[in-house]
Amino acid sequence: ESDVLVVFLGLDEFSEVEGIDRKTMRLPKNQLELLRVLATTKKKIVTVLSCGCAVELGMVNKYSDAIIYGSLLGEAGAIAIIDVLQGKVNPSGKLAETFPISYSDVPSRRYYPGHEVTAEYREGPFVGYRYYKTKGVKVEFPLRIRPKLYPL
């Protein structure tokens, strides 16, 4: 019997690879369904995200008590995640990217996929958080958010 469930979600090497564009910002449906089913246990859920990019987190936020953004950690990543889960280190730091609530909130979507092979970067200085802050568009993790720390 466990008090807490730890679930690892993310993108595989076929969805997230150099030189291609993703078709969606969503996590795979089977992973979201797994999370939904685990939530029926009524146990606390810690979700570890393994992806090198922003993804839509609506269902993840809904069913998770805590989220650890694991990024693409490499061969020592498991040890780092275990240290965080055991409370040996404080998972502090700042996200290097902005997580929009949905793809419809991404300003560059209007220019995707561009013309032929030319990518269009029309955002000017309003890339990432600057766009969301200037336009007043809500994001998944606002800059002023204070993380919630729960004992496991």
Protein backbone atom coordinates (compact mmCIF):
# COMPACT_ATOMS: atom_id res chain seq x y z
CA GLU A 1 0.00 0.00 0.00
CA SER A 2 1.38 3.36 -0.99
CA ASP A 3 0.33 6.80 0.13
CA VAL A 4 1.55 8.53 -3.02
CA LEU A 5 1.57 7.51 -6.67
CA VAL A 6 4.45 8.70 -8.86
CA VAL A 7 3.61 8.72 -12.55
CA PHE A 8 6.02 9.54 -15.36
CA LEU A 9 4.49 11.20 -18.42
CA GLY A 10 6.09 12.74 -21.46
CA LEU A 11 6.99 12.55 -25.09
CA ASP A 12 8.90 9.78 -26.81
CA GLU A 13 11.84 10.13 -29.18
CA PHE A 14 9.53 9.99 -32.20
CA SER A 15 7.35 12.92 -31.10
CA GLU A 16 10.18 15.14 -29.99
CA VAL A 17 13.24 15.12 -32.16
CA GLU A 18 15.49 17.70 -33.77
CA GLY A 19 14.44 18.80 -37.24
CA ILE A 20 10.69 18.15 -37.09
CA ASP A 21 7.68 20.05 -35.83
CA ARG A 22 5.26 18.46 -33.43
CA LYS A 23 1.68 18.09 -34.61
CA THR A 24 0.25 18.93 -31.17
CA MET A 25 1.18 20.33 -27.76
CA ARG A 26 -0.80 17.59 -26.01
CA LEU A 27 0.59 14.61 -24.17
CA PRO A 28 -0.39 11.22 -25.65
CA LYS A 29 -4.01 10.23 -24.95
CA ASN A 30 -3.05 6.91 -23.35
CA GLN A 31 -0.92 8.73 -20.76
CA LEU A 32 -3.72 11.15 -19.89
CA GLU A 33 -6.13 8.23 -19.57
CA LEU A 34 -3.67 6.48 -17.22
CA LEU A 35 -3.51 9.61 -15.08
CA ARG A 36 -7.31 9.86 -14.99
CA VAL A 37 -7.62 6.22 -13.88
CA LEU A 38 -4.93 6.64 -11.21
CA ALA A 39 -6.84 9.63 -9.83
CA THR A 40 -9.77 7.33 -9.03
CA THR A 41 -7.60 5.74 -6.31
CA LYS A 42 -7.91 9.02 -4.34
CA LYS A 43 -4.20 8.86 -3.50
CA LYS A 44 -1.87 11.82 -3.92
CA ILE A 45 -0.29 11.87 -7.36
CA VAL A 46 3.13 13.28 -8.20
CA THR A 47 3.60 13.62 -11.95
CA VAL A 48 7.10 13.74 -13.40
CA LEU A 49 7.18 15.26 -16.89
CA SER A 50 9.85 14.01 -19.26
CA CYS A 51 9.85 16.32 -22.25
CA GLY A 52 12.06 19.06 -23.61
CA CYS A 53 9.28 21.43 -24.51
CA ALA A 54 6.08 23.02 -23.30
CA VAL A 55 3.02 20.77 -23.34
CA GLU A 56 -0.62 21.41 -22.50
CA LEU A 57 -1.11 20.49 -18.85
CA GLY A 58 -4.86 20.88 -18.27
CA MET A 59 -5.52 17.27 -17.25
CA VAL A 60 -2.13 16.93 -15.58
CA ASN A 61 -2.91 19.89 -13.32
CA LYS A 62 -6.42 18.59 -12.67
CA TYR A 63 -5.30 15.17 -11.43
CA SER A 64 -1.83 15.85 -9.97
CA ASP A 65 -1.03 17.05 -6.49
CA ALA A 66 2.50 17.97 -7.57
CA ILE A 67 4.32 18.25 -10.89
CA ILE A 68 8.05 17.90 -11.40
CA TYR A 69 9.32 19.10 -14.76
CA GLY A 70 12.06 16.58 -15.45
CA SER A 71 12.90 17.93 -18.89
CA LEU A 72 15.33 15.71 -20.81
CA LEU A 73 17.64 14.76 -17.97
CA GLY A 74 19.99 12.27 -19.58
CA GLU A 75 21.59 9.24 -17.97
CA ALA A 76 21.81 10.72 -14.44
CA GLY A 77 18.24 12.00 -14.55
CA ALA A 78 16.72 9.16 -12.55
CA ILE A 79 19.06 9.84 -9.64
CA ALA A 80 18.16 13.54 -9.68
CA ILE A 81 14.42 12.78 -9.71
CA ILE A 82 14.81 10.31 -6.83
CA ASP A 83 16.70 12.96 -4.83
CA VAL A 84 13.83 15.40 -5.40
CA LEU A 85 11.17 12.83 -4.48
CA GLN A 86 13.04 11.88 -1.30
CA GLY A 87 13.46 15.50 -0.27
CA LYS A 88 17.26 15.45 -0.49
CA VAL A 89 17.22 18.50 -2.76
CA ASN A 90 14.80 21.37 -3.25
CA PRO A 91 13.41 21.36 -6.80
CA SER A 92 14.08 25.05 -7.29
CA GLY A 93 14.84 27.10 -10.33
CA LYS A 94 13.04 28.91 -13.09
CA LEU A 95 11.44 27.49 -16.18
CA ALA A 96 13.32 28.42 -19.33
CA GLU A 97 10.08 28.55 -21.28
CA THR A 98 6.48 29.61 -20.88
CA PHE A 99 3.79 26.94 -20.68
CA PRO A 100 0.68 28.22 -22.44
CA ILE A 101 -2.66 26.89 -21.25
CA SER A 102 -3.46 25.70 -24.77
CA TYR A 103 -2.02 25.86 -28.27
CA SER A 104 -4.59 28.51 -29.18
CA ASP A 105 -2.72 30.86 -26.80
CA VAL A 106 0.56 30.57 -28.75
CA PRO A 107 1.08 33.68 -30.91
CA SER A 108 3.31 32.00 -33.51
CA ARG A 109 0.58 29.46 -34.38
CA ARG A 110 -0.75 31.94 -36.94
CA TYR A 111 2.46 31.61 -38.98
CA TYR A 112 2.88 27.85 -38.67
CA PRO A 113 3.98 25.99 -40.68
CA GLY A 114 5.26 28.91 -42.76
CA HIS A 115 5.63 29.04 -46.51
CA GLU A 116 7.38 26.08 -48.06
CA VAL A 117 10.61 25.65 -46.06
CA THR A 118 10.87 29.16 -44.64
CA ALA A 119 10.03 29.61 -40.97
CA GLU A 120 8.49 32.95 -40.09
CA TYR A 121 9.42 34.65 -36.83
CA ARG A 122 7.08 37.62 -36.56
CA GLU A 123 6.85 37.96 -32.79
CA GLY A 124 9.66 40.51 -32.54
CA PRO A 125 10.55 41.11 -28.88
CA PHE A 126 7.27 39.49 -27.74
CA VAL A 127 8.58 35.94 -27.51
CA GLY A 128 7.63 33.73 -24.58
CA TYR A 129 6.62 35.40 -21.34
CA ARG A 130 6.91 38.90 -22.86
CA TYR A 131 3.95 38.20 -25.16
CA TYR A 132 1.78 36.70 -22.44
CA LYS A 133 2.58 39.44 -19.94
CA THR A 134 2.08 42.30 -22.44
CA LYS A 135 -1.17 40.90 -23.87
CA GLY A 136 -2.54 39.74 -20.50
CA VAL A 137 -2.89 36.13 -21.66
CA LYS A 138 -2.99 33.65 -18.75
CA VAL A 139 -0.33 30.93 -18.68
CA GLU A 140 -0.04 27.63 -16.84
CA PHE A 141 2.65 28.81 -14.40
CA PRO A 142 2.65 32.61 -13.87
CA LEU A 143 6.00 34.20 -13.04
CA ARG A 144 4.88 35.10 -9.52
CA ILE A 145 3.61 31.65 -8.59
CA ARG A 146 4.90 30.13 -5.38
CA PRO A 147 5.42 26.38 -5.61
CA LYS A 148 3.50 24.20 -3.18
CA LEU A 149 5.71 21.82 -1.26
CA TYR A 150 4.11 18.68 0.13
CA PRO A 151 5.77 16.10 2.34
CA LEU A 152 5.79 12.72 0.64
